[in-house]
Amino acid sequence: MDLIFLEELYKEKDNSNGFVSMYDLGERIGFDRTESDDKGMYLITEGFAELVNLSGGIKITEKGITECMKSGISTGVVETADNIGNDEVITEVTKRSVNQFIEDLKFSNIKSDEFKADLNTLSIQFASPKPKTEILKACLFAIAKQLTNQDLKNKIESFIS
């Protein structure tokens, strides 16, 4: 299961409206409209979310909250990976780590076309239903070479080694 989408939905559970657009939710994570629809519909089908309007408004269900509690999302203690690993496709735990790198990199001060292309490639591969480890490693390696933030560069290099 893709816990990242459920995690974002959980964060919205106390929203004043009681629901959030699955498209807005997906956009914050880096998904396009189709991917957001797929993720949202998966959560609805599995009973983790319910559709509240025909414009894509969803809210988390008790089953979704229970899943968040089981996975540690509700406590804010969510497991992340120290290393990207060698599996053909990254795991859910690794996805959380890569997603954090993507978020950190979006705020980087590097504006070169090469950096933008590498970050876009990373984001597109990450949005795949089965993100390939080797592609993500190559993107992260190329991005790390361009970073001026030594702390982030070291974290990425350690993660992909």
C-alpha atoms as a PDB file:
ATOM      1  CA  MET A   1       0.000   0.000   0.000  1.00  0.00           C
ATOM      2  CA  ASP A   2       1.123   3.546  -0.704  1.00  0.00           C
ATOM      3  CA  LEU A   3       1.293   5.051   2.779  1.00  0.00           C
ATOM      4  CA  ILE A   4       2.435   8.477   1.594  1.00  0.00           C
ATOM      5  CA  PHE A   5      -0.989   9.409   0.232  1.00  0.00           C
ATOM      6  CA  LEU A   6      -2.707   8.023   3.330  1.00  0.00           C
ATOM      7  CA  GLU A   7      -0.262   9.917   5.545  1.00  0.00           C
ATOM      8  CA  GLU A   8      -1.126  13.209   3.834  1.00  0.00           C
ATOM      9  CA  LEU A   9      -4.828  12.438   4.176  1.00  0.00           C
ATOM     10  CA  TYR A  10      -4.347  11.685   7.873  1.00  0.00           C
ATOM     11  CA  LYS A  11      -2.763  15.122   8.351  1.00  0.00           C
ATOM     12  CA  GLU A  12      -5.992  16.630   6.982  1.00  0.00           C
ATOM     13  CA  LYS A  13      -8.332  14.742   9.322  1.00  0.00           C
ATOM     14  CA  ASP A  14      -8.933  17.782  11.525  1.00  0.00           C
ATOM     15  CA  ASN A  15      -9.415  20.109   8.549  1.00  0.00           C
ATOM     16  CA  SER A  16     -12.323  22.491   9.155  1.00  0.00           C
ATOM     17  CA  ASN A  17     -14.202  21.072   6.160  1.00  0.00           C
ATOM     18  CA  GLY A  18     -13.609  17.506   7.245  1.00  0.00           C
ATOM     19  CA  PHE A  19     -12.394  16.638   3.760  1.00  0.00           C
ATOM     20  CA  VAL A  20      -9.732  17.528   1.213  1.00  0.00           C
ATOM     21  CA  SER A  21      -9.472  17.327  -2.559  1.00  0.00           C
ATOM     22  CA  MET A  22      -7.575  14.200  -3.562  1.00  0.00           C
ATOM     23  CA  TYR A  23      -6.101  16.257  -6.408  1.00  0.00           C
ATOM     24  CA  ASP A  24      -4.757  18.971  -4.094  1.00  0.00           C
ATOM     25  CA  LEU A  25      -3.432  16.268  -1.784  1.00  0.00           C
ATOM     26  CA  GLY A  26      -1.647  14.527  -4.636  1.00  0.00           C
ATOM     27  CA  GLU A  27      -0.241  17.775  -5.998  1.00  0.00           C
ATOM     28  CA  ARG A  28       1.442  18.486  -2.645  1.00  0.00           C
ATOM     29  CA  ILE A  29       3.173  15.105  -2.867  1.00  0.00           C
ATOM     30  CA  GLY A  30       4.143  15.542  -6.512  1.00  0.00           C
ATOM     31  CA  PHE A  31       1.475  13.448  -8.243  1.00  0.00           C
ATOM     32  CA  ASP A  32      -0.393  14.581 -11.339  1.00  0.00           C
ATOM     33  CA  ARG A  33      -4.200  14.481 -11.523  1.00  0.00           C
ATOM     34  CA  THR A  34      -4.349  10.918 -12.890  1.00  0.00           C
ATOM     35  CA  GLU A  35      -1.979   9.557 -10.240  1.00  0.00           C
ATOM     36  CA  SER A  36      -3.893  11.410  -7.517  1.00  0.00           C
ATOM     37  CA  ASP A  37      -7.131   9.917  -8.791  1.00  0.00           C
ATOM     38  CA  ASP A  38      -5.593   6.421  -8.775  1.00  0.00           C
ATOM     39  CA  LYS A  39      -4.217   6.822  -5.230  1.00  0.00           C
ATOM     40  CA  GLY A  40      -7.447   8.341  -3.928  1.00  0.00           C
ATOM     41  CA  MET A  41      -9.620   5.684  -5.529  1.00  0.00           C
ATOM     42  CA  TYR A  42      -7.374   2.973  -4.110  1.00  0.00           C
ATOM     43  CA  LEU A  43      -7.864   4.375  -0.595  1.00  0.00           C
ATOM     44  CA  ILE A  44     -11.619   4.559  -1.177  1.00  0.00           C
ATOM     45  CA  THR A  45     -11.793   1.012  -2.565  1.00  0.00           C
ATOM     46  CA  GLU A  46      -9.829  -0.346   0.396  1.00  0.00           C
ATOM     47  CA  GLY A  47     -12.029   1.540   2.871  1.00  0.00           C
ATOM     48  CA  PHE A  48      -9.281   3.888   4.125  1.00  0.00           C
ATOM     49  CA  ALA A  49     -11.081   6.950   2.734  1.00  0.00           C
ATOM     50  CA  GLU A  50     -14.549   7.920   1.625  1.00  0.00           C
ATOM     51  CA  LEU A  51     -15.627  10.085  -1.263  1.00  0.00           C
ATOM     52  CA  VAL A  52     -17.573  13.095   0.022  1.00  0.00           C
ATOM     53  CA  ASN A  53     -18.303  14.922  -3.233  1.00  0.00           C
ATOM     54  CA  LEU A  54     -18.080  14.381  -6.957  1.00  0.00           C
ATOM     55  CA  SER A  55     -15.220  16.876  -7.285  1.00  0.00           C
ATOM     56  CA  GLY A  56     -12.734  14.486  -5.670  1.00  0.00           C
ATOM     57  CA  GLY A  57     -13.291  15.482  -2.054  1.00  0.00           C
ATOM     58  CA  ILE A  58     -12.243  12.667   0.290  1.00  0.00           C
ATOM     59  CA  LYS A  59     -11.897  12.159   4.007  1.00  0.00           C
ATOM     60  CA  ILE A  60     -10.172   9.523   6.073  1.00  0.00           C
ATOM     61  CA  THR A  61     -12.274   6.730   7.598  1.00  0.00           C
ATOM     62  CA  GLU A  62     -11.869   4.961  10.919  1.00  0.00           C
ATOM     63  CA  LYS A  63     -10.172   2.125   9.034  1.00  0.00           C
ATOM     64  CA  GLY A  64      -7.736   4.658   7.549  1.00  0.00           C
ATOM     65  CA  ILE A  65      -7.008   6.122  10.975  1.00  0.00           C
ATOM     66  CA  THR A  66      -6.437   2.618  12.364  1.00  0.00           C
ATOM     67  CA  GLU A  67      -3.980   1.876   9.530  1.00  0.00           C
ATOM     68  CA  CYS A  68      -2.147   5.112  10.317  1.00  0.00           C
ATOM     69  CA  MET A  69      -1.895   4.104  13.961  1.00  0.00           C
ATOM     70  CA  LYS A  70      -0.532   0.657  13.006  1.00  0.00           C
ATOM     71  CA  SER A  71       2.091   2.150  10.691  1.00  0.00           C
ATOM     72  CA  GLY A  72       3.200   4.873  13.108  1.00  0.00           C
ATOM     73  CA  ILE A  73       1.895   7.780  11.027  1.00  0.00           C
ATOM     74  CA  SER A  74      -0.480   8.977  13.731  1.00  0.00           C
ATOM     75  CA  THR A  75       2.302   9.331  16.284  1.00  0.00           C
ATOM     76  CA  GLY A  76       4.621  11.169  13.957  1.00  0.00           C
ATOM     77  CA  VAL A  77       7.113   8.320  14.302  1.00  0.00           C
ATOM     78  CA  VAL A  78       7.234   7.016  10.775  1.00  0.00           C
ATOM     79  CA  GLU A  79       9.975   4.626   9.796  1.00  0.00           C
ATOM     80  CA  THR A  80      12.329   5.813   7.081  1.00  0.00           C
ATOM     81  CA  ALA A  81      15.225   4.084   5.384  1.00  0.00           C
ATOM     82  CA  ASP A  82      18.905   4.829   5.975  1.00  0.00           C
ATOM     83  CA  ASN A  83      19.841   3.413   2.578  1.00  0.00           C
ATOM     84  CA  ILE A  84      18.027   3.091  -0.747  1.00  0.00           C
ATOM     85  CA  GLY A  85      18.841  -0.619  -0.871  1.00  0.00           C
ATOM     86  CA  ASN A  86      19.335  -2.945  -3.826  1.00  0.00           C
ATOM     87  CA  ASP A  87      15.814  -4.197  -4.505  1.00  0.00           C
ATOM     88  CA  GLU A  88      14.595  -3.701  -8.072  1.00  0.00           C
ATOM     89  CA  VAL A  89      11.713  -1.540  -6.798  1.00  0.00           C
ATOM     90  CA  ILE A  90      11.924   0.641  -3.684  1.00  0.00           C
ATOM     91  CA  THR A  91       9.946  -0.239  -0.571  1.00  0.00           C
ATOM     92  CA  GLU A  92       7.311   1.917   1.153  1.00  0.00           C
ATOM     93  CA  VAL A  93       9.809   2.801   3.878  1.00  0.00           C
ATOM     94  CA  THR A  94      12.354   3.889   1.271  1.00  0.00           C
ATOM     95  CA  LYS A  95       9.647   5.901  -0.524  1.00  0.00           C
ATOM     96  CA  ARG A  96       9.256   8.088   2.563  1.00  0.00           C
ATOM     97  CA  SER A  97      12.981   8.835   2.589  1.00  0.00           C
ATOM     98  CA  VAL A  98      13.097   9.625  -1.135  1.00  0.00           C
ATOM     99  CA  ASN A  99       9.996  11.815  -0.776  1.00  0.00           C
ATOM    100  CA  GLN A 100      11.761  13.801   1.953  1.00  0.00           C
ATOM    101  CA  PHE A 101      14.769  14.317  -0.319  1.00  0.00           C
ATOM    102  CA  ILE A 102      12.469  15.530  -3.105  1.00  0.00           C
ATOM    103  CA  GLU A 103      10.843  18.014  -0.723  1.00  0.00           C
ATOM    104  CA  ASP A 104      14.234  19.241   0.510  1.00  0.00           C
ATOM    105  CA  LEU A 105      15.538  19.576  -3.052  1.00  0.00           C
ATOM    106  CA  LYS A 106      12.540  21.649  -4.174  1.00  0.00           C
ATOM    107  CA  PHE A 107      13.816  24.398  -1.889  1.00  0.00           C
ATOM    108  CA  SER A 108      17.365  24.224  -3.203  1.00  0.00           C
ATOM    109  CA  ASN A 109      18.835  27.433  -4.584  1.00  0.00           C
ATOM    110  CA  ILE A 110      20.183  25.676  -7.691  1.00  0.00           C
ATOM    111  CA  LYS A 111      18.372  26.864 -10.798  1.00  0.00           C
ATOM    112  CA  SER A 112      20.344  25.208 -13.618  1.00  0.00           C
ATOM    113  CA  ASP A 113      18.478  23.374 -16.360  1.00  0.00           C
ATOM    114  CA  GLU A 114      20.459  20.224 -15.550  1.00  0.00           C
ATOM    115  CA  PHE A 115      19.351  20.322 -11.908  1.00  0.00           C
ATOM    116  CA  LYS A 116      15.717  20.951 -12.885  1.00  0.00           C
ATOM    117  CA  ALA A 117      15.813  18.058 -15.361  1.00  0.00           C
ATOM    118  CA  ASP A 118      17.359  15.690 -12.800  1.00  0.00           C
ATOM    119  CA  LEU A 119      14.813  16.698 -10.154  1.00  0.00           C
ATOM    120  CA  ASN A 120      11.947  16.275 -12.640  1.00  0.00           C
ATOM    121  CA  THR A 121      13.240  12.832 -13.623  1.00  0.00           C
ATOM    122  CA  LEU A 122      13.493  11.868  -9.953  1.00  0.00           C
ATOM    123  CA  SER A 123       9.953  13.103  -9.270  1.00  0.00           C
ATOM    124  CA  ILE A 124       8.509  11.325 -12.314  1.00  0.00           C
ATOM    125  CA  GLN A 125      10.181   8.018 -11.437  1.00  0.00           C
ATOM    126  CA  PHE A 126       9.087   8.419  -7.821  1.00  0.00           C
ATOM    127  CA  ALA A 127       5.474   8.823  -8.948  1.00  0.00           C
ATOM    128  CA  SER A 128       5.614   5.500 -10.815  1.00  0.00           C
ATOM    129  CA  PRO A 129       3.601   2.657  -9.288  1.00  0.00           C
ATOM    130  CA  LYS A 130       6.906   0.754  -9.112  1.00  0.00           C
ATOM    131  CA  PRO A 131       9.787   3.237  -8.705  1.00  0.00           C
ATOM    132  CA  LYS A 132      13.008   1.601  -9.892  1.00  0.00           C
ATOM    133  CA  THR A 133      15.876   1.737  -7.417  1.00  0.00           C
ATOM    134  CA  GLU A 134      18.629   2.085 -10.027  1.00  0.00           C
ATOM    135  CA  ILE A 135      16.941   5.031 -11.748  1.00  0.00           C
ATOM    136  CA  LEU A 136      16.388   6.800  -8.438  1.00  0.00           C
ATOM    137  CA  LYS A 137      20.015   6.155  -7.444  1.00  0.00           C
ATOM    138  CA  ALA A 138      21.274   7.642 -10.723  1.00  0.00           C
ATOM    139  CA  CYS A 139      19.078  10.731 -10.339  1.00  0.00           C
ATOM    140  CA  LEU A 140      20.087  11.260  -6.708  1.00  0.00           C
ATOM    141  CA  PHE A 141      23.768  10.799  -7.604  1.00  0.00           C
ATOM    142  CA  ALA A 142      23.537  13.381 -10.409  1.00  0.00           C
ATOM    143  CA  ILE A 143      21.699  15.810  -8.131  1.00  0.00           C
ATOM    144  CA  ALA A 144      24.162  15.363  -5.251  1.00  0.00           C
ATOM    145  CA  LYS A 145      27.061  16.320  -7.536  1.00  0.00           C
ATOM    146  CA  GLN A 146      25.402  19.703  -8.132  1.00  0.00           C
ATOM    147  CA  LEU A 147      24.505  20.557  -4.541  1.00  0.00           C
ATOM    148  CA  THR A 148      26.193  23.345  -2.621  1.00  0.00           C
ATOM    149  CA  ASN A 149      24.443  22.376   0.637  1.00  0.00           C
ATOM    150  CA  GLN A 150      27.094  19.983   1.992  1.00  0.00           C
ATOM    151  CA  ASP A 151      24.802  18.512   4.666  1.00  0.00           C
ATOM    152  CA  LEU A 152      22.118  17.518   2.154  1.00  0.00           C
ATOM    153  CA  LYS A 153      24.778  16.330  -0.299  1.00  0.00           C
ATOM    154  CA  ASN A 154      26.292  14.059   2.395  1.00  0.00           C
ATOM    155  CA  LYS A 155      22.867  12.683   3.346  1.00  0.00           C
ATOM    156  CA  ILE A 156      22.052  11.813  -0.255  1.00  0.00           C
ATOM    157  CA  GLU A 157      25.467  10.264  -0.913  1.00  0.00           C
ATOM    158  CA  SER A 158      25.174   8.161   2.236  1.00  0.00           C
ATOM    159  CA  PHE A 159      21.620   7.122   1.284  1.00  0.00           C
ATOM    160  CA  ILE A 160      22.584   5.895  -2.186  1.00  0.00           C
ATOM    161  CA  SER A 161      25.868   4.198  -1.252  1.00  0.00           C
END
